[in-house]
Amino acid sequence: MIEFCCKRCNQKISVPKTFAGKKGKCPKCKNIVVVPKAEKVGPVANQNDFSDLKIGSGISDLDPALFDIPQKSETASRLSSQDGVTDRTFEALQKLEEKPGIDETEQLGERKLPCFIDIFLYPMSFSGLINLAIFIGVPLLINILWTILPIQLSCLFYLVTLVIHIVIFFYIYWYFVECVRDSADGGVRAPEGLGSTPGFMGMFWQTVNVIGCLAIFFTPFVLYMLLARRADIIFWLLLIYAVFLLPMGLLATIMFDSAIGLNPRLLVRSISSAFYPYCGLVLLFVTPVVVIGMLYTEVQESRLWIFIIRSIVTYLALVGAHILGRFYWRYQEKLNWEV
């Protein structure tokens, strides 16, 4: 047996070793979890002994979506005869057997397309497209309604849209964090967003973490730019400092879910442990930002182009979250964060 805990709610889960490396949902909080490799956990029981299968801490049933591979028929038959497994658990495993088109040999994190192409298809899942529609379509719909509503309703409509904009603002940052964490667990497509949100305050604190990280690195640059109003050597050094350290600082803040990720010693040690791959990560972040910034300054008077560029920025933000989490997934042993 493999025993591990959910990173979000610390729910204890015990599963057979055949699920090592597979991805599913925590039966308590529905967070995406990955079953660790057998060699990375403590002593386990014999692989063929399934009598100890259980979900700890008072959870008596297994989420049907917990695993993405089917169990063999004989395994399910043996499980049905054990007292420690409920009928609902057995039915869930039987349903998994009936799912067609699932490759048992498919490993977590593998891509079906070339890496460079597949990275940019990250938001192209059902959940990713739904969230893109929310991020892009809702503000557009609000702007359209502004132009057709009578002046008498403008005050009430302003208050309603203000609340909507605030909620979407926090939701965007929360979903960005979820994409980073899901990719860090080996996900190759955008995860579910709606239905798994932690509530308004949970989204608020995730937003504070991300914006606080951005402020830590870019505040010196912005203050110097406002005060000096010239592009000298200090200007460029502060900009390089912000751009070079931001990806690692943002990744550490998200993975630790705390400002401890901004510890200078942690950042320096982490960057040095995977220096060359990290330089490539920085280039992947900087190039789209520079190109989009140049386009935005050229078409700032065209509303259509502004809408198109904002849509591209939203799409690339999800791609960037995937690249960030994927970096951790590939180099987590070198980073050795133990998160």
C-alpha atoms as a PDB file:
ATOM      1  CA  MET A   1       0.000   0.000   0.000  1.00  0.00           C
ATOM      2  CA  ILE A   2       1.007   3.633  -0.576  1.00  0.00           C
ATOM      3  CA  GLU A   3      -0.002   6.124   2.106  1.00  0.00           C
ATOM      4  CA  PHE A   4       0.144   9.872   1.463  1.00  0.00           C
ATOM      5  CA  CYS A   5      -1.660  13.089   2.379  1.00  0.00           C
ATOM      6  CA  CYS A   6      -3.464  15.707   0.304  1.00  0.00           C
ATOM      7  CA  LYS A   7      -1.324  18.865   0.105  1.00  0.00           C
ATOM      8  CA  ARG A   8      -4.335  21.132   0.607  1.00  0.00           C
ATOM      9  CA  CYS A   9      -6.379  19.553   3.408  1.00  0.00           C
ATOM     10  CA  ASN A  10      -3.912  16.939   4.805  1.00  0.00           C
ATOM     11  CA  GLN A  11      -6.465  14.178   4.156  1.00  0.00           C
ATOM     12  CA  LYS A  12      -4.774  10.778   4.612  1.00  0.00           C
ATOM     13  CA  ILE A  13      -5.234   8.446   1.619  1.00  0.00           C
ATOM     14  CA  SER A  14      -4.140   4.807   1.254  1.00  0.00           C
ATOM     15  CA  VAL A  15      -4.101   3.147  -2.170  1.00  0.00           C
ATOM     16  CA  PRO A  16      -2.539   0.065  -3.812  1.00  0.00           C
ATOM     17  CA  LYS A  17       0.911   0.438  -5.351  1.00  0.00           C
ATOM     18  CA  THR A  18      -0.558  -0.016  -8.836  1.00  0.00           C
ATOM     19  CA  PHE A  19      -1.708   3.607  -8.687  1.00  0.00           C
ATOM     20  CA  ALA A  20       1.815   5.030  -8.192  1.00  0.00           C
ATOM     21  CA  GLY A  21       2.359   8.119 -10.335  1.00  0.00           C
ATOM     22  CA  LYS A  22      -1.326   8.459 -11.215  1.00  0.00           C
ATOM     23  CA  LYS A  23      -3.410  11.600 -10.862  1.00  0.00           C
ATOM     24  CA  GLY A  24      -6.843  12.053  -9.310  1.00  0.00           C
ATOM     25  CA  LYS A  25      -8.936  14.060  -6.845  1.00  0.00           C
ATOM     26  CA  CYS A  26      -8.822  14.134  -3.067  1.00  0.00           C
ATOM     27  CA  PRO A  27     -12.071  12.540  -1.774  1.00  0.00           C
ATOM     28  CA  LYS A  28     -12.435  15.298   0.818  1.00  0.00           C
ATOM     29  CA  CYS A  29     -11.542  18.654  -0.804  1.00  0.00           C
ATOM     30  CA  LYS A  30     -11.507  17.565  -4.499  1.00  0.00           C
ATOM     31  CA  ASN A  31      -7.991  18.947  -4.926  1.00  0.00           C
ATOM     32  CA  ILE A  32      -5.924  17.366  -7.705  1.00  0.00           C
ATOM     33  CA  VAL A  33      -3.492  14.899  -6.082  1.00  0.00           C
ATOM     34  CA  VAL A  34      -0.761  12.663  -7.441  1.00  0.00           C
ATOM     35  CA  VAL A  35      -0.033   9.268  -5.909  1.00  0.00           C
ATOM     36  CA  PRO A  36       3.692   9.299  -5.066  1.00  0.00           C
ATOM     37  CA  LYS A  37       6.077   6.658  -6.311  1.00  0.00           C
ATOM     38  CA  ALA A  38       6.384   3.639  -4.032  1.00  0.00           C
ATOM     39  CA  GLU A  39      10.066   4.265  -3.368  1.00  0.00           C
ATOM     40  CA  LYS A  40       9.352   7.814  -2.174  1.00  0.00           C
ATOM     41  CA  VAL A  41       7.040   6.795   0.673  1.00  0.00           C
ATOM     42  CA  GLY A  42       7.421   4.703   3.784  1.00  0.00           C
ATOM     43  CA  PRO A  43       7.160   0.884   4.000  1.00  0.00           C
ATOM     44  CA  VAL A  44       4.100  -0.511   2.250  1.00  0.00           C
ATOM     45  CA  ALA A  45       2.240  -3.785   2.337  1.00  0.00           C
ATOM     46  CA  ASN A  46       2.383  -6.460  -0.307  1.00  0.00           C
ATOM     47  CA  GLN A  47       1.005  -5.280  -3.651  1.00  0.00           C
ATOM     48  CA  ASN A  48      -1.469  -8.144  -3.770  1.00  0.00           C
ATOM     49  CA  ASP A  49      -2.792  -7.536  -0.257  1.00  0.00           C
ATOM     50  CA  PHE A  50      -5.707  -5.168  -0.669  1.00  0.00           C
ATOM     51  CA  SER A  51      -7.381  -5.811   2.638  1.00  0.00           C
ATOM     52  CA  ASP A  52      -5.962  -2.610   4.097  1.00  0.00           C
ATOM     53  CA  LEU A  53      -7.443  -0.325   1.430  1.00  0.00           C
ATOM     54  CA  LYS A  54      -9.029   2.616   3.212  1.00  0.00           C
ATOM     55  CA  ILE A  55      -9.466   6.334   3.198  1.00  0.00           C
ATOM     56  CA  GLY A  56      -8.346   7.757   6.521  1.00  0.00           C
ATOM     57  CA  SER A  57      -9.606  10.454   8.842  1.00  0.00           C
ATOM     58  CA  GLY A  58     -13.299   9.591   8.686  1.00  0.00           C
ATOM     59  CA  ILE A  59     -13.712   9.498   4.906  1.00  0.00           C
ATOM     60  CA  SER A  60     -15.583   6.274   4.216  1.00  0.00           C
ATOM     61  CA  ASP A  61     -16.071   6.496   0.441  1.00  0.00           C
ATOM     62  CA  LEU A  62     -13.745   6.837  -2.499  1.00  0.00           C
ATOM     63  CA  ASP A  63     -14.267   9.603  -5.045  1.00  0.00           C
ATOM     64  CA  PRO A  64     -15.087   7.969  -8.413  1.00  0.00           C
ATOM     65  CA  ALA A  65     -12.681  10.409 -10.088  1.00  0.00           C
ATOM     66  CA  LEU A  66      -9.788   9.610  -7.754  1.00  0.00           C
ATOM     67  CA  PHE A  67      -7.877   7.561 -10.319  1.00  0.00           C
ATOM     68  CA  ASP A  68      -7.518   7.889 -14.059  1.00  0.00           C
ATOM     69  CA  ILE A  69      -6.865   4.177 -14.814  1.00  0.00           C
ATOM     70  CA  PRO A  70      -9.107   1.121 -14.458  1.00  0.00           C
ATOM     71  CA  GLN A  71      -8.557  -1.720 -12.053  1.00  0.00           C
ATOM     72  CA  LYS A  72      -8.571  -5.339 -13.228  1.00  0.00           C
ATOM     73  CA  SER A  73     -11.762  -7.321 -12.709  1.00  0.00           C
ATOM     74  CA  GLU A  74     -10.177  -9.752 -10.304  1.00  0.00           C
ATOM     75  CA  THR A  75      -8.916  -6.855  -8.188  1.00  0.00           C
ATOM     76  CA  ALA A  76     -12.423  -5.420  -7.890  1.00  0.00           C
ATOM     77  CA  SER A  77     -13.832  -8.841  -7.026  1.00  0.00           C
ATOM     78  CA  ARG A  78     -11.375  -9.269  -4.180  1.00  0.00           C
ATOM     79  CA  LEU A  79     -12.053  -5.745  -2.918  1.00  0.00           C
ATOM     80  CA  SER A  80     -15.801  -6.416  -2.762  1.00  0.00           C
ATOM     81  CA  SER A  81     -15.243  -9.136  -0.180  1.00  0.00           C
ATOM     82  CA  GLN A  82     -13.287  -6.965   2.253  1.00  0.00           C
ATOM     83  CA  ASP A  83     -14.909  -5.231   5.216  1.00  0.00           C
ATOM     84  CA  GLY A  84     -12.680  -2.185   4.922  1.00  0.00           C
ATOM     85  CA  VAL A  85     -14.096  -1.224   1.498  1.00  0.00           C
ATOM     86  CA  THR A  86     -17.634   0.108   1.160  1.00  0.00           C
ATOM     87  CA  ASP A  87     -20.075  -0.885  -1.594  1.00  0.00           C
ATOM     88  CA  ARG A  88     -19.748   2.605  -3.014  1.00  0.00           C
ATOM     89  CA  THR A  89     -15.989   2.150  -3.326  1.00  0.00           C
ATOM     90  CA  PHE A  90     -16.462  -1.130  -5.163  1.00  0.00           C
ATOM     91  CA  GLU A  91     -19.019   0.448  -7.521  1.00  0.00           C
ATOM     92  CA  ALA A  92     -16.635   3.312  -8.214  1.00  0.00           C
ATOM     93  CA  LEU A  93     -13.879   0.914  -9.208  1.00  0.00           C
ATOM     94  CA  GLN A  94     -16.303  -1.025 -11.418  1.00  0.00           C
ATOM     95  CA  LYS A  95     -17.247   2.223 -13.202  1.00  0.00           C
ATOM     96  CA  LEU A  96     -13.595   2.881 -13.868  1.00  0.00           C
ATOM     97  CA  GLU A  97     -13.354  -0.534 -15.505  1.00  0.00           C
ATOM     98  CA  GLU A  98     -16.119   0.399 -17.946  1.00  0.00           C
ATOM     99  CA  LYS A  99     -14.463   3.607 -19.198  1.00  0.00           C
ATOM    100  CA  PRO A 100     -13.326   3.077 -22.780  1.00  0.00           C
ATOM    101  CA  GLY A 101     -10.213   4.437 -24.381  1.00  0.00           C
ATOM    102  CA  ILE A 102      -8.040   4.663 -21.267  1.00  0.00           C
ATOM    103  CA  ASP A 103      -4.473   3.565 -21.742  1.00  0.00           C
ATOM    104  CA  GLU A 104      -3.198   1.817 -18.619  1.00  0.00           C
ATOM    105  CA  THR A 105       0.383   2.424 -19.661  1.00  0.00           C
ATOM    106  CA  GLU A 106      -0.084   6.188 -20.032  1.00  0.00           C
ATOM    107  CA  GLN A 107       2.135   7.929 -17.510  1.00  0.00           C
ATOM    108  CA  LEU A 108       1.500  11.215 -15.801  1.00  0.00           C
ATOM    109  CA  GLY A 109       3.037  14.215 -17.566  1.00  0.00           C
ATOM    110  CA  GLU A 110       3.543  12.550 -20.951  1.00  0.00           C
ATOM    111  CA  ARG A 111       2.650  14.544 -24.069  1.00  0.00           C
ATOM    112  CA  LYS A 112       1.060  13.201 -27.245  1.00  0.00           C
ATOM    113  CA  LEU A 113       2.366  16.100 -29.352  1.00  0.00           C
ATOM    114  CA  PRO A 114       5.834  17.694 -29.641  1.00  0.00           C
ATOM    115  CA  CYS A 115       6.659  19.626 -26.478  1.00  0.00           C
ATOM    116  CA  PHE A 116       6.892  23.104 -28.035  1.00  0.00           C
ATOM    117  CA  ILE A 117       3.470  22.706 -29.687  1.00  0.00           C
ATOM    118  CA  ASP A 118       1.764  20.984 -26.760  1.00  0.00           C
ATOM    119  CA  ILE A 119       2.803  23.708 -24.321  1.00  0.00           C
ATOM    120  CA  PHE A 120       0.788  26.305 -26.236  1.00  0.00           C
ATOM    121  CA  LEU A 121      -2.226  23.986 -26.317  1.00  0.00           C
ATOM    122  CA  TYR A 122      -2.363  23.880 -22.512  1.00  0.00           C
ATOM    123  CA  PRO A 123      -5.548  26.027 -22.199  1.00  0.00           C
ATOM    124  CA  MET A 124      -7.295  23.922 -24.879  1.00  0.00           C
ATOM    125  CA  SER A 125      -9.220  21.698 -22.481  1.00  0.00           C
ATOM    126  CA  PHE A 126     -12.927  22.009 -21.770  1.00  0.00           C
ATOM    127  CA  SER A 127     -12.273  23.649 -18.392  1.00  0.00           C
ATOM    128  CA  GLY A 128      -9.580  25.898 -19.868  1.00  0.00           C
ATOM    129  CA  LEU A 129     -11.850  27.122 -22.658  1.00  0.00           C
ATOM    130  CA  ILE A 130     -14.684  27.768 -20.197  1.00  0.00           C
ATOM    131  CA  ASN A 131     -12.402  29.880 -18.041  1.00  0.00           C
ATOM    132  CA  LEU A 132     -11.022  31.763 -21.046  1.00  0.00           C
ATOM    133  CA  ALA A 133     -14.598  32.559 -22.036  1.00  0.00           C
ATOM    134  CA  ILE A 134     -15.203  33.948 -18.549  1.00  0.00           C
ATOM    135  CA  PHE A 135     -12.004  35.991 -18.435  1.00  0.00           C
ATOM    136  CA  ILE A 136     -12.492  37.445 -21.928  1.00  0.00           C
ATOM    137  CA  GLY A 137     -16.231  37.296 -22.574  1.00  0.00           C
ATOM    138  CA  VAL A 138     -17.664  38.674 -19.328  1.00  0.00           C
ATOM    139  CA  PRO A 139     -15.785  42.042 -19.463  1.00  0.00           C
ATOM    140  CA  LEU A 140     -16.696  42.336 -23.156  1.00  0.00           C
ATOM    141  CA  LEU A 141     -20.369  41.665 -22.382  1.00  0.00           C
ATOM    142  CA  ILE A 142     -20.315  44.280 -19.624  1.00  0.00           C
ATOM    143  CA  ASN A 143     -18.879  46.884 -22.016  1.00  0.00           C
ATOM    144  CA  ILE A 144     -21.594  46.096 -24.569  1.00  0.00           C
ATOM    145  CA  LEU A 145     -24.337  46.441 -21.946  1.00  0.00           C
ATOM    146  CA  TRP A 146     -22.914  49.815 -20.912  1.00  0.00           C
ATOM    147  CA  THR A 147     -23.622  51.143 -24.398  1.00  0.00           C
ATOM    148  CA  ILE A 148     -27.261  49.979 -24.609  1.00  0.00           C
ATOM    149  CA  LEU A 149     -28.642  50.413 -21.079  1.00  0.00           C
ATOM    150  CA  PRO A 150     -30.628  53.587 -20.300  1.00  0.00           C
ATOM    151  CA  ILE A 151     -28.996  56.248 -18.191  1.00  0.00           C
ATOM    152  CA  GLN A 152     -31.467  55.598 -15.352  1.00  0.00           C
ATOM    153  CA  LEU A 153     -29.948  52.190 -14.700  1.00  0.00           C
ATOM    154  CA  SER A 154     -26.318  53.264 -14.982  1.00  0.00           C
ATOM    155  CA  CYS A 155     -25.725  53.728 -11.228  1.00  0.00           C
ATOM    156  CA  LEU A 156     -27.140  50.322 -10.258  1.00  0.00           C
ATOM    157  CA  PHE A 157     -25.388  48.652 -13.185  1.00  0.00           C
ATOM    158  CA  TYR A 158     -22.101  50.240 -12.140  1.00  0.00           C
ATOM    159  CA  LEU A 159     -22.343  48.735  -8.639  1.00  0.00           C
ATOM    160  CA  VAL A 160     -23.211  45.303 -10.018  1.00  0.00           C
ATOM    161  CA  THR A 161     -20.407  45.332 -12.581  1.00  0.00           C
ATOM    162  CA  LEU A 162     -17.946  46.553  -9.960  1.00  0.00           C
ATOM    163  CA  VAL A 163     -18.660  43.474  -7.845  1.00  0.00           C
ATOM    164  CA  ILE A 164     -18.378  41.230 -10.912  1.00  0.00           C
ATOM    165  CA  HIS A 165     -15.044  42.779 -11.910  1.00  0.00           C
ATOM    166  CA  ILE A 166     -13.662  42.294  -8.378  1.00  0.00           C
ATOM    167  CA  VAL A 167     -14.727  38.632  -8.262  1.00  0.00           C
ATOM    168  CA  ILE A 168     -13.295  37.922 -11.733  1.00  0.00           C
ATOM    169  CA  PHE A 169     -10.079  39.742 -10.797  1.00  0.00           C
ATOM    170  CA  PHE A 170      -9.532  37.460  -7.781  1.00  0.00           C
ATOM    171  CA  TYR A 171     -10.676  34.392  -9.718  1.00  0.00           C
ATOM    172  CA  ILE A 172      -8.145  35.002 -12.498  1.00  0.00           C
ATOM    173  CA  TYR A 173      -5.236  35.068 -10.046  1.00  0.00           C
ATOM    174  CA  TRP A 174      -6.545  32.021  -8.191  1.00  0.00           C
ATOM    175  CA  TYR A 175      -6.896  30.058 -11.422  1.00  0.00           C
ATOM    176  CA  PHE A 176      -3.389  31.086 -12.467  1.00  0.00           C
ATOM    177  CA  VAL A 177      -2.098  29.584  -9.217  1.00  0.00           C
ATOM    178  CA  GLU A 178      -4.146  26.423  -9.776  1.00  0.00           C
ATOM    179  CA  CYS A 179      -2.653  26.042 -13.258  1.00  0.00           C
ATOM    180  CA  VAL A 180       0.854  26.323 -11.815  1.00  0.00           C
ATOM    181  CA  ARG A 181       0.153  23.710  -9.142  1.00  0.00           C
ATOM    182  CA  ASP A 182      -1.616  21.350 -11.520  1.00  0.00           C
ATOM    183  CA  SER A 183       1.289  21.566 -13.982  1.00  0.00           C
ATOM    184  CA  ALA A 184       3.721  21.004 -11.109  1.00  0.00           C
ATOM    185  CA  ASP A 185       1.870  17.741 -10.443  1.00  0.00           C
ATOM    186  CA  GLY A 186       2.326  16.678 -14.070  1.00  0.00           C
ATOM    187  CA  GLY A 187      -0.843  18.073 -15.683  1.00  0.00           C
ATOM    188  CA  VAL A 188      -0.637  18.853 -19.396  1.00  0.00           C
ATOM    189  CA  ARG A 189      -4.027  20.584 -19.823  1.00  0.00           C
ATOM    190  CA  ALA A 190      -5.768  23.341 -17.883  1.00  0.00           C
ATOM    191  CA  PRO A 191      -7.511  22.014 -14.735  1.00  0.00           C
ATOM    192  CA  GLU A 192     -11.057  22.490 -13.524  1.00  0.00           C
ATOM    193  CA  GLY A 193     -11.755  25.927 -12.085  1.00  0.00           C
ATOM    194  CA  LEU A 194     -15.438  26.473 -11.366  1.00  0.00           C
ATOM    195  CA  GLY A 195     -16.712  24.132  -8.690  1.00  0.00           C
ATOM    196  CA  SER A 196     -13.357  23.797  -6.942  1.00  0.00           C
ATOM    197  CA  THR A 197     -12.784  27.381  -5.818  1.00  0.00           C
ATOM    198  CA  PRO A 198     -11.886  27.881  -2.141  1.00  0.00           C
ATOM    199  CA  GLY A 199     -14.348  30.758  -1.669  1.00  0.00           C
ATOM    200  CA  PHE A 200     -13.880  34.505  -1.894  1.00  0.00           C
ATOM    201  CA  MET A 201     -11.317  34.802   0.898  1.00  0.00           C
ATOM    202  CA  GLY A 202      -9.278  31.904  -0.454  1.00  0.00           C
ATOM    203  CA  MET A 203      -9.104  33.578  -3.864  1.00  0.00           C
ATOM    204  CA  PHE A 204      -8.308  36.890  -2.161  1.00  0.00           C
ATOM    205  CA  TRP A 205      -5.243  35.536  -0.353  1.00  0.00           C
ATOM    206  CA  GLN A 206      -3.983  33.783  -3.471  1.00  0.00           C
ATOM    207  CA  THR A 207      -4.227  37.131  -5.270  1.00  0.00           C
ATOM    208  CA  VAL A 208      -2.369  38.858  -2.444  1.00  0.00           C
ATOM    209  CA  ASN A 209       0.462  36.306  -2.704  1.00  0.00           C
ATOM    210  CA  VAL A 210       0.879  36.774  -6.465  1.00  0.00           C
ATOM    211  CA  ILE A 211       0.591  40.572  -6.460  1.00  0.00           C
ATOM    212  CA  GLY A 212       2.852  40.815  -3.415  1.00  0.00           C
ATOM    213  CA  CYS A 213       5.484  38.774  -5.224  1.00  0.00           C
ATOM    214  CA  LEU A 214       5.251  41.069  -8.264  1.00  0.00           C
ATOM    215  CA  ALA A 215       5.548  44.108  -6.008  1.00  0.00           C
ATOM    216  CA  ILE A 216       8.640  42.777  -4.230  1.00  0.00           C
ATOM    217  CA  PHE A 217      10.597  42.481  -7.467  1.00  0.00           C
ATOM    218  CA  PHE A 218       9.276  45.409  -9.513  1.00  0.00           C
ATOM    219  CA  THR A 219       8.776  48.131  -6.876  1.00  0.00           C
ATOM    220  CA  PRO A 220      12.475  49.218  -6.845  1.00  0.00           C
ATOM    221  CA  PHE A 221      12.457  49.472 -10.645  1.00  0.00           C
ATOM    222  CA  VAL A 222       9.187  51.421 -10.785  1.00  0.00           C
ATOM    223  CA  LEU A 223      10.234  53.854  -8.032  1.00  0.00           C
ATOM    224  CA  TYR A 224      13.564  54.565  -9.695  1.00  0.00           C
ATOM    225  CA  MET A 225      11.868  55.061 -13.057  1.00  0.00           C
ATOM    226  CA  LEU A 226       9.422  57.576 -11.538  1.00  0.00           C
ATOM    227  CA  LEU A 227      12.088  59.471  -9.604  1.00  0.00           C
ATOM    228  CA  ALA A 228      15.049  59.438 -11.980  1.00  0.00           C
ATOM    229  CA  ARG A 229      13.114  59.505 -15.260  1.00  0.00           C
ATOM    230  CA  ARG A 230      16.109  58.244 -17.200  1.00  0.00           C
ATOM    231  CA  ALA A 231      17.385  54.912 -18.501  1.00  0.00           C
ATOM    232  CA  ASP A 232      20.850  54.667 -16.972  1.00  0.00           C
ATOM    233  CA  ILE A 233      22.826  51.699 -15.673  1.00  0.00           C
ATOM    234  CA  ILE A 234      20.845  51.544 -12.410  1.00  0.00           C
ATOM    235  CA  PHE A 235      17.595  51.501 -14.382  1.00  0.00           C
ATOM    236  CA  TRP A 236      18.708  48.469 -16.391  1.00  0.00           C
ATOM    237  CA  LEU A 237      20.175  46.648 -13.398  1.00  0.00           C
ATOM    238  CA  LEU A 238      16.913  46.984 -11.469  1.00  0.00           C
ATOM    239  CA  LEU A 239      14.953  45.772 -14.488  1.00  0.00           C
ATOM    240  CA  ILE A 240      17.240  42.753 -14.960  1.00  0.00           C
ATOM    241  CA  TYR A 241      16.977  41.973 -11.240  1.00  0.00           C
ATOM    242  CA  ALA A 242      13.167  41.989 -11.419  1.00  0.00           C
ATOM    243  CA  VAL A 243      12.858  40.014 -14.649  1.00  0.00           C
ATOM    244  CA  PHE A 244      15.465  37.393 -13.746  1.00  0.00           C
ATOM    245  CA  LEU A 245      14.246  36.622 -10.219  1.00  0.00           C
ATOM    246  CA  LEU A 246      10.490  36.933 -10.758  1.00  0.00           C
ATOM    247  CA  PRO A 247       9.793  33.460 -12.266  1.00  0.00           C
ATOM    248  CA  MET A 248      11.592  31.602  -9.474  1.00  0.00           C
ATOM    249  CA  GLY A 249      10.132  33.853  -6.786  1.00  0.00           C
ATOM    250  CA  LEU A 250       6.616  33.452  -8.166  1.00  0.00           C
ATOM    251  CA  LEU A 251       6.993  29.673  -8.441  1.00  0.00           C
ATOM    252  CA  ALA A 252       8.341  29.372  -4.899  1.00  0.00           C
ATOM    253  CA  THR A 253       5.608  31.604  -3.464  1.00  0.00           C
ATOM    254  CA  ILE A 254       2.905  29.529  -5.140  1.00  0.00           C
ATOM    255  CA  MET A 255       4.362  26.128  -4.242  1.00  0.00           C
ATOM    256  CA  PHE A 256       5.034  27.065  -0.616  1.00  0.00           C
ATOM    257  CA  ASP A 257       1.781  29.066  -0.474  1.00  0.00           C
ATOM    258  CA  SER A 258       3.684  31.522   1.672  1.00  0.00           C
ATOM    259  CA  ALA A 259       6.084  34.458   1.567  1.00  0.00           C
ATOM    260  CA  ILE A 260       8.784  32.010   2.662  1.00  0.00           C
ATOM    261  CA  GLY A 261       9.243  31.392  -1.056  1.00  0.00           C
ATOM    262  CA  LEU A 262      10.822  34.860  -1.323  1.00  0.00           C
ATOM    263  CA  ASN A 263      13.683  33.942   0.988  1.00  0.00           C
ATOM    264  CA  PRO A 264      16.829  35.198  -0.856  1.00  0.00           C
ATOM    265  CA  ARG A 265      18.883  32.154   0.171  1.00  0.00           C
ATOM    266  CA  LEU A 266      16.197  29.829  -1.167  1.00  0.00           C
ATOM    267  CA  LEU A 267      15.996  31.708  -4.480  1.00  0.00           C
ATOM    268  CA  VAL A 268      19.763  31.812  -5.019  1.00  0.00           C
ATOM    269  CA  ARG A 269      20.191  28.138  -4.151  1.00  0.00           C
ATOM    270  CA  SER A 270      17.282  27.127  -6.374  1.00  0.00           C
ATOM    271  CA  ILE A 271      18.470  29.144  -9.382  1.00  0.00           C
ATOM    272  CA  SER A 272      22.025  27.840  -9.079  1.00  0.00           C
ATOM    273  CA  SER A 273      20.831  24.219  -8.855  1.00  0.00           C
ATOM    274  CA  ALA A 274      19.114  24.451 -12.281  1.00  0.00           C
ATOM    275  CA  PHE A 275      20.782  27.509 -13.769  1.00  0.00           C
ATOM    276  CA  TYR A 276      20.707  26.811 -17.512  1.00  0.00           C
ATOM    277  CA  PRO A 277      17.129  25.472 -17.638  1.00  0.00           C
ATOM    278  CA  TYR A 278      16.088  28.432 -15.522  1.00  0.00           C
ATOM    279  CA  CYS A 279      17.651  30.867 -18.014  1.00  0.00           C
ATOM    280  CA  GLY A 280      15.506  29.258 -20.693  1.00  0.00           C
ATOM    281  CA  LEU A 281      12.464  29.686 -18.444  1.00  0.00           C
ATOM    282  CA  VAL A 282      13.205  33.397 -18.065  1.00  0.00           C
ATOM    283  CA  LEU A 283      13.502  33.826 -21.839  1.00  0.00           C
ATOM    284  CA  LEU A 284      10.133  32.137 -22.339  1.00  0.00           C
ATOM    285  CA  PHE A 285       8.604  34.668 -19.957  1.00  0.00           C
ATOM    286  CA  VAL A 286      10.337  37.793 -21.265  1.00  0.00           C
ATOM    287  CA  THR A 287       9.929  37.344 -25.033  1.00  0.00           C
ATOM    288  CA  PRO A 288       6.080  37.303 -25.173  1.00  0.00           C
ATOM    289  CA  VAL A 289       5.877  40.262 -22.784  1.00  0.00           C
ATOM    290  CA  VAL A 290       8.240  42.367 -24.913  1.00  0.00           C
ATOM    291  CA  VAL A 291       6.433  41.520 -28.160  1.00  0.00           C
ATOM    292  CA  ILE A 292       2.969  42.192 -26.723  1.00  0.00           C
ATOM    293  CA  GLY A 293       4.188  45.451 -25.141  1.00  0.00           C
ATOM    294  CA  MET A 294       5.472  46.671 -28.479  1.00  0.00           C
ATOM    295  CA  LEU A 295       2.205  45.769 -30.216  1.00  0.00           C
ATOM    296  CA  TYR A 296       0.125  47.425 -27.512  1.00  0.00           C
ATOM    297  CA  THR A 297       1.930  50.750 -27.864  1.00  0.00           C
ATOM    298  CA  GLU A 298       1.369  50.702 -31.628  1.00  0.00           C
ATOM    299  CA  VAL A 299      -2.388  50.050 -31.554  1.00  0.00           C
ATOM    300  CA  GLN A 300      -3.467  51.698 -28.315  1.00  0.00           C
ATOM    301  CA  GLU A 301      -6.128  53.805 -30.074  1.00  0.00           C
ATOM    302  CA  SER A 302      -7.880  50.811 -31.688  1.00  0.00           C
ATOM    303  CA  ARG A 303     -10.454  49.160 -29.407  1.00  0.00           C
ATOM    304  CA  LEU A 304     -10.595  46.054 -31.542  1.00  0.00           C
ATOM    305  CA  TRP A 305      -6.841  45.524 -31.404  1.00  0.00           C
ATOM    306  CA  ILE A 306      -6.797  46.230 -27.678  1.00  0.00           C
ATOM    307  CA  PHE A 307      -9.432  43.515 -27.183  1.00  0.00           C
ATOM    308  CA  ILE A 308      -7.445  41.083 -29.347  1.00  0.00           C
ATOM    309  CA  ILE A 309      -4.203  41.785 -27.483  1.00  0.00           C
ATOM    310  CA  ARG A 310      -5.882  41.430 -24.088  1.00  0.00           C
ATOM    311  CA  SER A 311      -7.292  38.078 -25.215  1.00  0.00           C
ATOM    312  CA  ILE A 312      -3.817  36.963 -26.305  1.00  0.00           C
ATOM    313  CA  VAL A 313      -2.351  38.115 -22.981  1.00  0.00           C
ATOM    314  CA  THR A 314      -4.974  36.102 -21.065  1.00  0.00           C
ATOM    315  CA  TYR A 315      -4.259  33.014 -23.131  1.00  0.00           C
ATOM    316  CA  LEU A 316      -0.496  33.363 -22.748  1.00  0.00           C
ATOM    317  CA  ALA A 317      -0.894  33.887 -18.984  1.00  0.00           C
ATOM    318  CA  LEU A 318      -2.283  30.344 -18.709  1.00  0.00           C
ATOM    319  CA  VAL A 319       0.520  29.064 -20.933  1.00  0.00           C
ATOM    320  CA  GLY A 320       3.026  30.852 -18.692  1.00  0.00           C
ATOM    321  CA  ALA A 321       1.480  29.259 -15.604  1.00  0.00           C
ATOM    322  CA  HIS A 322       1.891  25.860 -17.248  1.00  0.00           C
ATOM    323  CA  ILE A 323       5.536  26.546 -18.145  1.00  0.00           C
ATOM    324  CA  LEU A 324       6.208  27.647 -14.579  1.00  0.00           C
ATOM    325  CA  GLY A 325       4.639  24.550 -13.031  1.00  0.00           C
ATOM    326  CA  ARG A 326       6.237  22.287 -15.638  1.00  0.00           C
ATOM    327  CA  PHE A 327       9.661  23.631 -14.678  1.00  0.00           C
ATOM    328  CA  TYR A 328       9.044  22.493 -11.112  1.00  0.00           C
ATOM    329  CA  TRP A 329       7.737  19.108 -12.297  1.00  0.00           C
ATOM    330  CA  ARG A 330      10.920  18.451 -14.280  1.00  0.00           C
ATOM    331  CA  TYR A 331      13.473  19.836 -11.826  1.00  0.00           C
ATOM    332  CA  GLN A 332      11.866  19.304  -8.417  1.00  0.00           C
ATOM    333  CA  GLU A 333      14.634  16.926  -7.352  1.00  0.00           C
ATOM    334  CA  LYS A 334      17.270  19.598  -8.046  1.00  0.00           C
ATOM    335  CA  LEU A 335      15.216  22.283  -6.330  1.00  0.00           C
ATOM    336  CA  ASN A 336      14.596  19.982  -3.347  1.00  0.00           C
ATOM    337  CA  TRP A 337      11.919  22.200  -1.811  1.00  0.00           C
ATOM    338  CA  GLU A 338      10.006  19.391  -0.086  1.00  0.00           C
ATOM    339  CA  VAL A 339       6.672  21.160  -0.522  1.00  0.00           C
END
